[in-house]
Amino acid sequence: MNPVEASSSGVGTLPQHGRLFVVSGPSGVGKDTVLARLFTRVTGAVRSVSATTRAPRPGEVEGRDYYFVSPAEFEAGIRAGRFLEYARYGEYLYGTPRDRVAEQRERGLDVILKIEVQGALLVKSLVPDAILIFLQPPSLEELERRLRARATDTEARIAERLAIARTELAALFQYDYLVTNDDLETAVETLRAILIAERCRIKHP
């Protein structure tokens, strides 16, 4: 339903403008799984698509999975301030295009951005009305169990991920909402409830 201005009957809604939701959480907490299910249950929300300097993998589509750009184009974007946040992972750069997020929000779409803690806090400093959601595991022991169950990391890499997780968990009080992914269905519905509540909010702090 498109918002309408207040009418003579006294019934109306606020002007429509999409929100920016930022979801963070430790590696292995289940962010991708939770968000994949969330998108099947909400309308008017889109996933933020990042730009990257790596080449497309088989099956990846430009504009759906990533915006694939050259290192020179990415560096030019950094200098021009075209990214809300960016980071280097290994030999490749990844970043959130500022204009694309703004365009989607102007269309009334809620944009959901999945990034790590440092990037999330940077986005909040640049976009004060961004809504930060932290997805945490029920315990570090359970997180370790999930990481081991994936069977994709060495012991050293698991130890590194757990150390990073402890650092990330220490930053959760800088977020607006905390969701525990103990039961997947409950976590998805809690996240959905947050989106609905924010859509009903009249005044932001």
N, C-alpha and C. Protein backbone atom coordinates (compact mmCIF):
# COMPACT_ATOMS: atom_id res chain seq x y z
N MET A 1 0.85 -1.19 0.00
CA MET A 1 0.00 0.00 0.00
C MET A 1 0.88 1.23 0.00
N ASN A 2 0.63 2.13 -0.93
CA ASN A 2 1.40 3.37 -0.98
C ASN A 2 0.91 4.34 0.07
N PRO A 3 1.82 4.99 0.77
CA PRO A 3 1.42 5.97 1.78
C PRO A 3 0.66 7.12 1.15
N VAL A 4 -0.23 7.71 1.90
CA VAL A 4 -0.97 8.88 1.43
C VAL A 4 -0.81 9.97 2.46
N GLU A 5 -0.96 11.19 2.03
CA GLU A 5 -0.90 12.31 2.96
C GLU A 5 -2.17 12.32 3.81
N ALA A 6 -2.08 12.96 4.97
CA ALA A 6 -3.24 13.04 5.86
C ALA A 6 -4.41 13.69 5.14
N SER A 7 -5.57 13.10 5.25
CA SER A 7 -6.75 13.61 4.56
C SER A 7 -7.66 14.32 5.54
N SER A 8 -8.77 14.82 5.04
CA SER A 8 -9.70 15.55 5.89
C SER A 8 -10.32 14.64 6.94
N SER A 9 -10.27 13.32 6.69
CA SER A 9 -10.83 12.38 7.66
C SER A 9 -9.89 12.15 8.83
N GLY A 10 -8.66 12.68 8.69
CA GLY A 10 -7.69 12.51 9.76
C GLY A 10 -6.90 11.22 9.64
N VAL A 11 -7.14 10.46 8.57
CA VAL A 11 -6.44 9.20 8.38
C VAL A 11 -5.34 9.39 7.35
N GLY A 12 -4.15 8.94 7.66
CA GLY A 12 -3.06 9.08 6.70
C GLY A 12 -1.83 8.36 7.20
N THR A 13 -0.77 8.39 6.41
CA THR A 13 0.49 7.78 6.80
C THR A 13 1.61 8.75 6.48
N LEU A 14 2.77 8.45 7.01
CA LEU A 14 3.92 9.29 6.75
C LEU A 14 4.44 9.07 5.33
N PRO A 15 5.15 10.04 4.76
CA PRO A 15 5.72 9.85 3.43
C PRO A 15 6.62 8.62 3.41
N GLN A 16 6.55 7.89 2.30
CA GLN A 16 7.28 6.64 2.18
C GLN A 16 8.76 6.87 1.88
N HIS A 17 9.61 6.20 2.63
CA HIS A 17 11.05 6.23 2.37
C HIS A 17 11.62 4.95 2.95
N GLY A 18 12.38 4.24 2.14
CA GLY A 18 12.91 2.98 2.61
C GLY A 18 13.91 3.13 3.75
N ARG A 19 14.06 2.08 4.51
CA ARG A 19 15.00 2.06 5.62
C ARG A 19 16.25 1.27 5.24
N LEU A 20 17.32 1.51 5.97
CA LEU A 20 18.54 0.75 5.76
C LEU A 20 18.79 -0.10 7.00
N PHE A 21 18.71 -1.42 6.83
CA PHE A 21 18.99 -2.36 7.90
C PHE A 21 20.37 -2.97 7.68
N VAL A 22 21.17 -3.01 8.72
CA VAL A 22 22.51 -3.59 8.64
C VAL A 22 22.57 -4.79 9.58
N VAL A 23 22.86 -5.96 9.02
CA VAL A 23 22.91 -7.19 9.80
C VAL A 23 24.35 -7.67 9.90
N SER A 24 24.80 -7.88 11.13
CA SER A 24 26.15 -8.39 11.37
C SER A 24 26.08 -9.59 12.30
N GLY A 25 27.17 -10.31 12.37
CA GLY A 25 27.26 -11.44 13.29
C GLY A 25 28.47 -12.27 12.97
N PRO A 26 28.93 -13.09 13.90
CA PRO A 26 30.14 -13.89 13.68
C PRO A 26 29.99 -14.86 12.52
N SER A 27 31.10 -15.21 11.92
CA SER A 27 31.11 -16.23 10.88
C SER A 27 30.59 -17.53 11.47
N GLY A 28 29.63 -18.17 10.77
CA GLY A 28 29.07 -19.42 11.25
C GLY A 28 27.79 -19.27 12.03
N VAL A 29 27.35 -18.03 12.28
CA VAL A 29 26.14 -17.82 13.08
C VAL A 29 24.87 -18.09 12.27
N GLY A 30 24.99 -18.08 10.93
CA GLY A 30 23.83 -18.39 10.09
C GLY A 30 23.17 -17.20 9.44
N LYS A 31 23.93 -16.15 9.19
CA LYS A 31 23.36 -14.92 8.61
C LYS A 31 22.71 -15.19 7.25
N ASP A 32 23.41 -15.91 6.38
CA ASP A 32 22.88 -16.15 5.04
C ASP A 32 21.59 -16.96 5.09
N THR A 33 21.55 -17.97 5.93
CA THR A 33 20.36 -18.81 6.04
C THR A 33 19.17 -18.03 6.57
N VAL A 34 19.41 -17.25 7.63
CA VAL A 34 18.33 -16.45 8.21
C VAL A 34 17.80 -15.44 7.21
N LEU A 35 18.70 -14.74 6.51
CA LEU A 35 18.26 -13.71 5.56
C LEU A 35 17.56 -14.32 4.36
N ALA A 36 18.03 -15.47 3.90
CA ALA A 36 17.38 -16.13 2.76
C ALA A 36 15.92 -16.44 3.08
N ARG A 37 15.67 -16.92 4.29
CA ARG A 37 14.29 -17.21 4.69
C ARG A 37 13.49 -15.94 4.91
N LEU A 38 14.16 -14.91 5.44
CA LEU A 38 13.46 -13.65 5.68
C LEU A 38 12.91 -13.08 4.37
N PHE A 39 13.70 -13.12 3.31
CA PHE A 39 13.27 -12.53 2.04
C PHE A 39 12.08 -13.26 1.42
N THR A 40 11.81 -14.48 1.85
CA THR A 40 10.62 -15.19 1.35
C THR A 40 9.37 -14.79 2.13
N ARG A 41 9.55 -14.02 3.22
CA ARG A 41 8.42 -13.70 4.09
C ARG A 41 8.10 -12.22 4.18
N VAL A 42 8.91 -11.39 3.55
CA VAL A 42 8.64 -9.95 3.58
C VAL A 42 8.64 -9.42 2.15
N THR A 43 7.86 -8.39 1.94
CA THR A 43 7.87 -7.69 0.67
C THR A 43 8.43 -6.29 0.89
N GLY A 44 8.85 -5.66 -0.18
CA GLY A 44 9.36 -4.30 -0.07
C GLY A 44 10.74 -4.20 0.52
N ALA A 45 11.48 -5.33 0.55
CA ALA A 45 12.84 -5.34 1.08
C ALA A 45 13.77 -5.98 0.05
N VAL A 46 14.96 -5.44 -0.09
CA VAL A 46 15.93 -5.96 -1.04
C VAL A 46 17.29 -6.12 -0.37
N ARG A 47 18.07 -7.04 -0.87
CA ARG A 47 19.42 -7.25 -0.37
C ARG A 47 20.36 -6.27 -1.05
N SER A 48 21.20 -5.64 -0.28
CA SER A 48 22.21 -4.75 -0.86
C SER A 48 23.22 -5.60 -1.63
N VAL A 49 23.53 -5.19 -2.83
CA VAL A 49 24.49 -5.91 -3.67
C VAL A 49 25.83 -5.17 -3.62
N SER A 50 26.87 -5.88 -3.25
CA SER A 50 28.20 -5.29 -3.12
C SER A 50 28.93 -5.25 -4.45
N ALA A 51 29.89 -4.35 -4.54
CA ALA A 51 30.83 -4.33 -5.66
C ALA A 51 32.08 -5.09 -5.24
N THR A 52 32.71 -5.76 -6.20
CA THR A 52 33.93 -6.50 -5.88
C THR A 52 34.89 -6.48 -7.06
N THR A 53 36.17 -6.63 -6.74
CA THR A 53 37.18 -6.66 -7.80
C THR A 53 37.51 -8.08 -8.25
N ARG A 54 36.91 -9.08 -7.62
CA ARG A 54 37.19 -10.45 -8.07
C ARG A 54 36.34 -10.78 -9.29
N ALA A 55 36.74 -11.80 -10.01
CA ALA A 55 36.01 -12.23 -11.20
C ALA A 55 34.76 -13.02 -10.81
N PRO A 56 33.74 -13.02 -11.67
CA PRO A 56 32.53 -13.79 -11.36
C PRO A 56 32.84 -15.29 -11.29
N ARG A 57 32.20 -15.96 -10.35
CA ARG A 57 32.29 -17.41 -10.26
C ARG A 57 31.18 -18.01 -11.12
N PRO A 58 31.30 -19.28 -11.47
CA PRO A 58 30.26 -19.92 -12.29
C PRO A 58 28.87 -19.76 -11.67
N GLY A 59 27.92 -19.27 -12.47
CA GLY A 59 26.55 -19.10 -12.00
C GLY A 59 26.26 -17.73 -11.42
N GLU A 60 27.29 -16.93 -11.13
CA GLU A 60 27.04 -15.61 -10.59
C GLU A 60 26.63 -14.64 -11.69
N VAL A 61 25.72 -13.74 -11.35
CA VAL A 61 25.15 -12.81 -12.32
C VAL A 61 25.46 -11.38 -11.90
N GLU A 62 25.91 -10.58 -12.85
CA GLU A 62 26.18 -9.16 -12.61
C GLU A 62 24.92 -8.45 -12.13
N GLY A 63 25.04 -7.72 -11.01
CA GLY A 63 23.91 -6.98 -10.49
C GLY A 63 23.01 -7.77 -9.57
N ARG A 64 23.11 -9.09 -9.63
CA ARG A 64 22.32 -9.92 -8.70
C ARG A 64 23.18 -10.40 -7.54
N ASP A 65 24.35 -10.94 -7.88
CA ASP A 65 25.25 -11.44 -6.85
C ASP A 65 26.25 -10.35 -6.42
N TYR A 66 26.84 -9.70 -7.41
CA TYR A 66 27.80 -8.62 -7.16
C TYR A 66 27.79 -7.69 -8.37
N TYR A 67 28.38 -6.50 -8.15
CA TYR A 67 28.77 -5.65 -9.27
C TYR A 67 30.26 -5.90 -9.46
N PHE A 68 30.63 -6.46 -10.58
CA PHE A 68 32.02 -6.82 -10.82
C PHE A 68 32.74 -5.66 -11.52
N VAL A 69 33.76 -5.12 -10.85
CA VAL A 69 34.48 -3.97 -11.38
C VAL A 69 35.97 -4.25 -11.34
N SER A 70 36.72 -3.47 -12.11
CA SER A 70 38.17 -3.62 -12.11
C SER A 70 38.76 -2.96 -10.87
N PRO A 71 39.97 -3.34 -10.48
CA PRO A 71 40.62 -2.67 -9.34
C PRO A 71 40.73 -1.16 -9.54
N ALA A 72 41.01 -0.74 -10.78
CA ALA A 72 41.13 0.70 -11.05
C ALA A 72 39.79 1.41 -10.84
N GLU A 73 38.68 0.78 -11.28
CA GLU A 73 37.35 1.37 -11.08
C GLU A 73 37.01 1.45 -9.60
N PHE A 74 37.37 0.40 -8.86
CA PHE A 74 37.08 0.39 -7.42
C PHE A 74 37.86 1.48 -6.71
N GLU A 75 39.15 1.59 -7.03
CA GLU A 75 39.98 2.62 -6.39
C GLU A 75 39.46 4.01 -6.71
N ALA A 76 38.99 4.20 -7.95
CA ALA A 76 38.42 5.50 -8.31
C ALA A 76 37.16 5.77 -7.51
N GLY A 77 36.37 4.71 -7.26
CA GLY A 77 35.16 4.85 -6.46
C GLY A 77 35.46 5.23 -5.02
N ILE A 78 36.55 4.67 -4.48
CA ILE A 78 36.97 5.02 -3.12
C ILE A 78 37.32 6.51 -3.05
N ARG A 79 38.12 6.97 -4.01
CA ARG A 79 38.53 8.38 -4.02
C ARG A 79 37.35 9.32 -4.17
N ALA A 80 36.34 8.87 -4.91
CA ALA A 80 35.16 9.72 -5.16
C ALA A 80 34.11 9.59 -4.06
N GLY A 81 34.35 8.75 -3.06
CA GLY A 81 33.40 8.58 -1.98
C GLY A 81 32.13 7.85 -2.39
N ARG A 82 32.26 6.88 -3.32
CA ARG A 82 31.08 6.19 -3.83
C ARG A 82 30.66 4.98 -3.00
N PHE A 83 31.41 4.68 -1.94
CA PHE A 83 31.07 3.51 -1.12
C PHE A 83 30.69 3.94 0.29
N LEU A 84 29.64 3.31 0.82
CA LEU A 84 29.29 3.52 2.22
C LEU A 84 30.35 2.90 3.12
N GLU A 85 30.87 1.77 2.68
CA GLU A 85 31.95 1.09 3.38
C GLU A 85 32.65 0.18 2.37
N TYR A 86 33.89 -0.14 2.66
CA TYR A 86 34.61 -1.09 1.81
C TYR A 86 35.69 -1.75 2.64
N ALA A 87 36.12 -2.90 2.17
CA ALA A 87 37.15 -3.65 2.89
C ALA A 87 37.89 -4.54 1.91
N ARG A 88 39.10 -4.91 2.27
CA ARG A 88 39.88 -5.84 1.47
C ARG A 88 39.89 -7.20 2.16
N TYR A 89 39.52 -8.22 1.40
CA TYR A 89 39.59 -9.60 1.87
C TYR A 89 40.52 -10.36 0.95
N GLY A 90 41.69 -10.70 1.49
CA GLY A 90 42.69 -11.32 0.63
C GLY A 90 43.17 -10.32 -0.40
N GLU A 91 43.12 -10.71 -1.66
CA GLU A 91 43.60 -9.83 -2.72
C GLU A 91 42.48 -9.01 -3.36
N TYR A 92 41.26 -9.16 -2.87
CA TYR A 92 40.12 -8.50 -3.52
C TYR A 92 39.48 -7.45 -2.61
N LEU A 93 38.88 -6.45 -3.26
CA LEU A 93 38.15 -5.40 -2.56
C LEU A 93 36.65 -5.63 -2.67
N TYR A 94 35.94 -5.32 -1.60
CA TYR A 94 34.48 -5.42 -1.57
C TYR A 94 33.94 -4.13 -0.98
N GLY A 95 32.82 -3.63 -1.52
CA GLY A 95 32.26 -2.40 -0.99
C GLY A 95 30.78 -2.25 -1.28
N THR A 96 30.11 -1.38 -0.52
CA THR A 96 28.68 -1.12 -0.67
C THR A 96 28.48 0.17 -1.45
N PRO A 97 27.94 0.10 -2.68
CA PRO A 97 27.73 1.32 -3.48
C PRO A 97 26.73 2.27 -2.81
N ARG A 98 27.18 3.47 -2.53
CA ARG A 98 26.35 4.46 -1.83
C ARG A 98 25.13 4.85 -2.67
N ASP A 99 25.33 5.15 -3.96
CA ASP A 99 24.24 5.64 -4.80
C ASP A 99 23.14 4.59 -4.97
N ARG A 100 23.53 3.33 -5.09
CA ARG A 100 22.54 2.27 -5.30
C ARG A 100 21.64 2.13 -4.07
N VAL A 101 22.23 2.17 -2.89
CA VAL A 101 21.44 2.08 -1.67
C VAL A 101 20.48 3.27 -1.57
N ALA A 102 20.98 4.47 -1.85
CA ALA A 102 20.14 5.67 -1.78
C ALA A 102 18.99 5.60 -2.78
N GLU A 103 19.28 5.10 -3.98
CA GLU A 103 18.25 5.00 -5.02
C GLU A 103 17.14 4.05 -4.59
N GLN A 104 17.51 2.90 -4.03
CA GLN A 104 16.50 1.93 -3.60
C GLN A 104 15.66 2.48 -2.46
N ARG A 105 16.28 3.18 -1.54
CA ARG A 105 15.54 3.77 -0.43
C ARG A 105 14.58 4.85 -0.93
N GLU A 106 15.00 5.63 -1.92
CA GLU A 106 14.13 6.67 -2.47
C GLU A 106 12.90 6.05 -3.13
N ARG A 107 13.04 4.83 -3.62
CA ARG A 107 11.91 4.12 -4.24
C ARG A 107 11.00 3.50 -3.19
N GLY A 108 11.33 3.68 -1.91
CA GLY A 108 10.50 3.14 -0.85
C GLY A 108 10.85 1.73 -0.44
N LEU A 109 11.99 1.21 -0.93
CA LEU A 109 12.40 -0.15 -0.59
C LEU A 109 13.29 -0.14 0.65
N ASP A 110 13.09 -1.11 1.51
CA ASP A 110 14.00 -1.31 2.63
C ASP A 110 15.21 -2.09 2.12
N VAL A 111 16.40 -1.61 2.44
CA VAL A 111 17.63 -2.24 1.99
C VAL A 111 18.27 -2.97 3.16
N ILE A 112 18.62 -4.23 2.96
CA ILE A 112 19.26 -5.02 4.01
C ILE A 112 20.69 -5.30 3.61
N LEU A 113 21.59 -4.83 4.43
CA LEU A 113 23.02 -4.93 4.17
C LEU A 113 23.66 -5.88 5.17
N LYS A 114 24.34 -6.90 4.69
CA LYS A 114 25.01 -7.88 5.56
C LYS A 114 26.51 -7.63 5.49
N ILE A 115 27.06 -7.09 6.58
CA ILE A 115 28.50 -6.80 6.61
C ILE A 115 29.04 -7.03 8.02
N GLU A 116 30.36 -6.99 8.14
CA GLU A 116 30.98 -7.21 9.44
C GLU A 116 30.87 -5.95 10.31
N VAL A 117 31.26 -6.11 11.57
CA VAL A 117 31.02 -5.07 12.58
C VAL A 117 31.66 -3.73 12.23
N GLN A 118 32.92 -3.76 11.85
CA GLN A 118 33.62 -2.50 11.56
C GLN A 118 32.92 -1.73 10.46
N GLY A 119 32.52 -2.44 9.41
CA GLY A 119 31.81 -1.79 8.31
C GLY A 119 30.45 -1.28 8.74
N ALA A 120 29.77 -2.03 9.61
CA ALA A 120 28.45 -1.62 10.08
C ALA A 120 28.52 -0.31 10.86
N LEU A 121 29.53 -0.19 11.71
CA LEU A 121 29.67 1.03 12.51
C LEU A 121 30.04 2.22 11.62
N LEU A 122 30.79 1.97 10.56
CA LEU A 122 31.10 3.04 9.61
C LEU A 122 29.85 3.50 8.88
N VAL A 123 29.02 2.53 8.45
CA VAL A 123 27.77 2.88 7.79
C VAL A 123 26.90 3.72 8.73
N LYS A 124 26.84 3.34 9.99
CA LYS A 124 26.01 4.09 10.96
C LYS A 124 26.50 5.53 11.10
N SER A 125 27.82 5.73 11.00
CA SER A 125 28.35 7.09 11.12
C SER A 125 28.00 7.92 9.89
N LEU A 126 27.87 7.27 8.74
CA LEU A 126 27.54 7.98 7.50
C LEU A 126 26.04 8.09 7.27
N VAL A 127 25.30 7.11 7.77
CA VAL A 127 23.84 7.08 7.60
C VAL A 127 23.23 6.92 9.00
N PRO A 128 23.03 8.02 9.72
CA PRO A 128 22.60 7.95 11.12
C PRO A 128 21.29 7.20 11.34
N ASP A 129 20.40 7.17 10.33
CA ASP A 129 19.13 6.46 10.54
C ASP A 129 19.21 4.98 10.19
N ALA A 130 20.41 4.48 9.88
CA ALA A 130 20.58 3.06 9.64
C ALA A 130 20.23 2.28 10.91
N ILE A 131 19.61 1.13 10.74
CA ILE A 131 19.18 0.29 11.87
C ILE A 131 20.10 -0.92 11.93
N LEU A 132 20.84 -1.04 13.02
CA LEU A 132 21.85 -2.09 13.16
C LEU A 132 21.28 -3.27 13.95
N ILE A 133 21.42 -4.46 13.37
CA ILE A 133 20.92 -5.70 14.00
C ILE A 133 22.07 -6.68 14.12
N PHE A 134 22.27 -7.16 15.33
CA PHE A 134 23.36 -8.12 15.58
C PHE A 134 22.76 -9.51 15.75
N LEU A 135 23.25 -10.46 14.97
CA LEU A 135 22.81 -11.85 15.05
C LEU A 135 23.88 -12.64 15.80
N GLN A 136 23.53 -13.14 16.97
CA GLN A 136 24.51 -13.84 17.80
C GLN A 136 24.16 -15.33 17.93
N PRO A 137 25.15 -16.16 18.19
CA PRO A 137 24.89 -17.58 18.47
C PRO A 137 24.41 -17.73 19.91
N PRO A 138 23.79 -18.84 20.26
CA PRO A 138 23.38 -19.03 21.66
C PRO A 138 24.58 -19.10 22.60
N SER A 139 25.74 -19.51 22.10
CA SER A 139 26.95 -19.56 22.91
C SER A 139 28.14 -19.72 21.97
N LEU A 140 29.33 -19.41 22.47
CA LEU A 140 30.54 -19.61 21.68
C LEU A 140 30.79 -21.09 21.44
N GLU A 141 30.36 -21.92 22.38
CA GLU A 141 30.51 -23.36 22.21
C GLU A 141 29.68 -23.86 21.03
N GLU A 142 28.46 -23.34 20.93
CA GLU A 142 27.60 -23.72 19.82
C GLU A 142 28.15 -23.18 18.50
N LEU A 143 28.72 -21.97 18.53
CA LEU A 143 29.32 -21.41 17.33
C LEU A 143 30.47 -22.30 16.87
N GLU A 144 31.29 -22.73 17.80
CA GLU A 144 32.41 -23.62 17.44
C GLU A 144 31.89 -24.93 16.84
N ARG A 145 30.81 -25.45 17.41
CA ARG A 145 30.24 -26.69 16.87
C ARG A 145 29.78 -26.50 15.43
N ARG A 146 29.15 -25.35 15.15
CA ARG A 146 28.66 -25.08 13.79
C ARG A 146 29.82 -24.91 12.81
N LEU A 147 30.87 -24.23 13.26
CA LEU A 147 32.04 -24.05 12.40
C LEU A 147 32.67 -25.40 12.06
N ARG A 148 32.75 -26.27 13.04
CA ARG A 148 33.33 -27.60 12.80
C ARG A 148 32.43 -28.43 11.90
N ALA A 149 31.12 -28.26 12.04
CA ALA A 149 30.17 -29.03 11.24
C ALA A 149 30.25 -28.68 9.76
N ARG A 150 30.68 -27.46 9.46
CA ARG A 150 30.83 -27.05 8.06
C ARG A 150 31.97 -27.80 7.38
N ALA A 151 32.95 -28.20 8.17
CA ALA A 151 34.10 -28.98 7.67
C ALA A 151 34.81 -28.29 6.51
N THR A 152 34.92 -26.96 6.60
CA THR A 152 35.59 -26.21 5.53
C THR A 152 36.84 -25.49 6.01
N ASP A 153 37.08 -25.50 7.32
CA ASP A 153 38.19 -24.73 7.88
C ASP A 153 39.19 -25.63 8.61
N THR A 154 40.43 -25.19 8.63
CA THR A 154 41.45 -25.87 9.41
C THR A 154 41.26 -25.51 10.88
N GLU A 155 41.97 -26.21 11.76
CA GLU A 155 41.90 -25.89 13.18
C GLU A 155 42.36 -24.46 13.44
N ALA A 156 43.39 -24.04 12.74
CA ALA A 156 43.90 -22.69 12.93
C ALA A 156 42.86 -21.66 12.50
N ARG A 157 42.17 -21.94 11.40
CA ARG A 157 41.17 -21.00 10.90
C ARG A 157 39.96 -20.95 11.84
N ILE A 158 39.57 -22.09 12.40
CA ILE A 158 38.47 -22.10 13.36
C ILE A 158 38.83 -21.27 14.59
N ALA A 159 40.05 -21.44 15.09
CA ALA A 159 40.50 -20.66 16.24
C ALA A 159 40.49 -19.17 15.93
N GLU A 160 40.90 -18.82 14.69
CA GLU A 160 40.90 -17.41 14.28
C GLU A 160 39.48 -16.85 14.22
N ARG A 161 38.55 -17.65 13.66
CA ARG A 161 37.16 -17.20 13.56
C ARG A 161 36.55 -17.00 14.96
N LEU A 162 36.87 -17.87 15.88
CA LEU A 162 36.34 -17.74 17.24
C LEU A 162 36.91 -16.51 17.95
N ALA A 163 38.18 -16.22 17.70
CA ALA A 163 38.79 -15.02 18.29
C ALA A 163 38.12 -13.76 17.73
N ILE A 164 37.86 -13.76 16.43
CA ILE A 164 37.17 -12.62 15.81
C ILE A 164 35.76 -12.50 16.37
N ALA A 165 35.10 -13.64 16.58
CA ALA A 165 33.74 -13.63 17.11
C ALA A 165 33.69 -12.98 18.48
N ARG A 166 34.67 -13.27 19.32
CA ARG A 166 34.71 -12.65 20.66
C ARG A 166 34.81 -11.13 20.55
N THR A 167 35.62 -10.66 19.61
CA THR A 167 35.76 -9.22 19.41
C THR A 167 34.45 -8.61 18.91
N GLU A 168 33.80 -9.31 17.98
CA GLU A 168 32.54 -8.81 17.43
C GLU A 168 31.44 -8.78 18.50
N LEU A 169 31.38 -9.80 19.32
CA LEU A 169 30.36 -9.85 20.37
C LEU A 169 30.53 -8.70 21.36
N ALA A 170 31.75 -8.25 21.53
CA ALA A 170 32.00 -7.13 22.45
C ALA A 170 31.42 -5.83 21.93
N ALA A 171 31.11 -5.78 20.63
CA ALA A 171 30.59 -4.55 20.02
C ALA A 171 29.07 -4.54 19.91
N LEU A 172 28.40 -5.58 20.37
CA LEU A 172 26.96 -5.68 20.13
C LEU A 172 26.16 -4.57 20.80
N PHE A 173 26.70 -3.95 21.86
CA PHE A 173 25.95 -2.89 22.53
C PHE A 173 25.91 -1.61 21.70
N GLN A 174 26.63 -1.57 20.61
CA GLN A 174 26.55 -0.42 19.70
C GLN A 174 25.47 -0.63 18.64
N TYR A 175 24.78 -1.76 18.72
CA TYR A 175 23.71 -2.08 17.78
C TYR A 175 22.36 -1.71 18.36
N ASP A 176 21.35 -1.66 17.50
CA ASP A 176 20.00 -1.32 17.93
C ASP A 176 19.21 -2.53 18.40
N TYR A 177 19.45 -3.68 17.77
CA TYR A 177 18.70 -4.89 18.09
C TYR A 177 19.66 -6.08 18.19
N LEU A 178 19.27 -7.03 19.04
CA LEU A 178 20.03 -8.26 19.19
C LEU A 178 19.09 -9.44 18.95
N VAL A 179 19.50 -10.33 18.03
CA VAL A 179 18.72 -11.53 17.71
C VAL A 179 19.62 -12.74 17.94
N THR A 180 19.12 -13.72 18.68
CA THR A 180 19.88 -14.94 18.93
C THR A 180 19.41 -16.04 17.99
N ASN A 181 20.34 -16.58 17.22
CA ASN A 181 20.00 -17.67 16.30
C ASN A 181 20.22 -19.01 16.99
N ASP A 182 19.29 -19.31 17.89
CA ASP A 182 19.28 -20.61 18.55
C ASP A 182 18.38 -21.54 17.75
N ASP A 183 17.14 -21.11 17.58
CA ASP A 183 16.18 -21.79 16.73
C ASP A 183 15.99 -20.96 15.47
N LEU A 184 16.21 -21.56 14.29
CA LEU A 184 16.19 -20.81 13.03
C LEU A 184 14.86 -20.12 12.81
N GLU A 185 13.76 -20.84 13.01
CA GLU A 185 12.44 -20.26 12.77
C GLU A 185 12.19 -19.05 13.66
N THR A 186 12.58 -19.15 14.91
CA THR A 186 12.40 -18.03 15.84
C THR A 186 13.25 -16.84 15.44
N ALA A 187 14.49 -17.10 15.01
CA ALA A 187 15.38 -16.00 14.59
C ALA A 187 14.81 -15.28 13.38
N VAL A 188 14.29 -16.02 12.42
CA VAL A 188 13.73 -15.41 11.21
C VAL A 188 12.52 -14.56 11.56
N GLU A 189 11.64 -15.09 12.40
CA GLU A 189 10.44 -14.35 12.77
C GLU A 189 10.76 -13.13 13.63
N THR A 190 11.79 -13.23 14.45
CA THR A 190 12.21 -12.07 15.25
C THR A 190 12.73 -10.96 14.35
N LEU A 191 13.53 -11.34 13.36
CA LEU A 191 14.05 -10.35 12.42
C LEU A 191 12.91 -9.72 11.62
N ARG A 192 11.97 -10.54 11.23
CA ARG A 192 10.79 -10.03 10.50
C ARG A 192 10.01 -9.05 11.37
N ALA A 193 9.87 -9.36 12.65
CA ALA A 193 9.15 -8.47 13.57
C ALA A 193 9.86 -7.12 13.70
N ILE A 194 11.19 -7.14 13.68
CA ILE A 194 11.96 -5.90 13.75
C ILE A 194 11.67 -5.03 12.53
N LEU A 195 11.67 -5.65 11.35
CA LEU A 195 11.37 -4.90 10.14
C LEU A 195 9.98 -4.27 10.20
N ILE A 196 9.01 -5.05 10.65
CA ILE A 196 7.64 -4.54 10.73
C ILE A 196 7.55 -3.40 11.75
N ALA A 197 8.20 -3.57 12.90
CA ALA A 197 8.16 -2.52 13.93
C ALA A 197 8.78 -1.23 13.42
N GLU A 198 9.90 -1.33 12.71
CA GLU A 198 10.56 -0.13 12.20
C GLU A 198 9.72 0.54 11.12
N ARG A 199 8.99 -0.24 10.36
CA ARG A 199 8.11 0.34 9.35
C ARG A 199 6.95 1.11 9.98
N CYS A 200 6.61 0.74 11.22
CA CYS A 200 5.52 1.42 11.92
C CYS A 200 6.01 2.58 12.78
N ARG A 201 7.32 2.73 12.89
CA ARG A 201 7.86 3.77 13.77
C ARG A 201 7.54 5.16 13.21
N ILE A 202 7.10 6.05 14.09
CA ILE A 202 6.80 7.43 13.69
C ILE A 202 8.02 8.31 13.81
N LYS A 203 8.73 8.17 14.91
CA LYS A 203 9.87 9.04 15.17
C LYS A 203 11.10 8.21 15.50
N HIS A 204 12.21 8.53 14.86
CA HIS A 204 13.46 7.85 15.15
C HIS A 204 14.27 8.65 16.16
N PRO A 205 15.05 7.98 17.01
CA PRO A 205 15.86 8.70 17.99
C PRO A 205 16.81 9.68 17.31
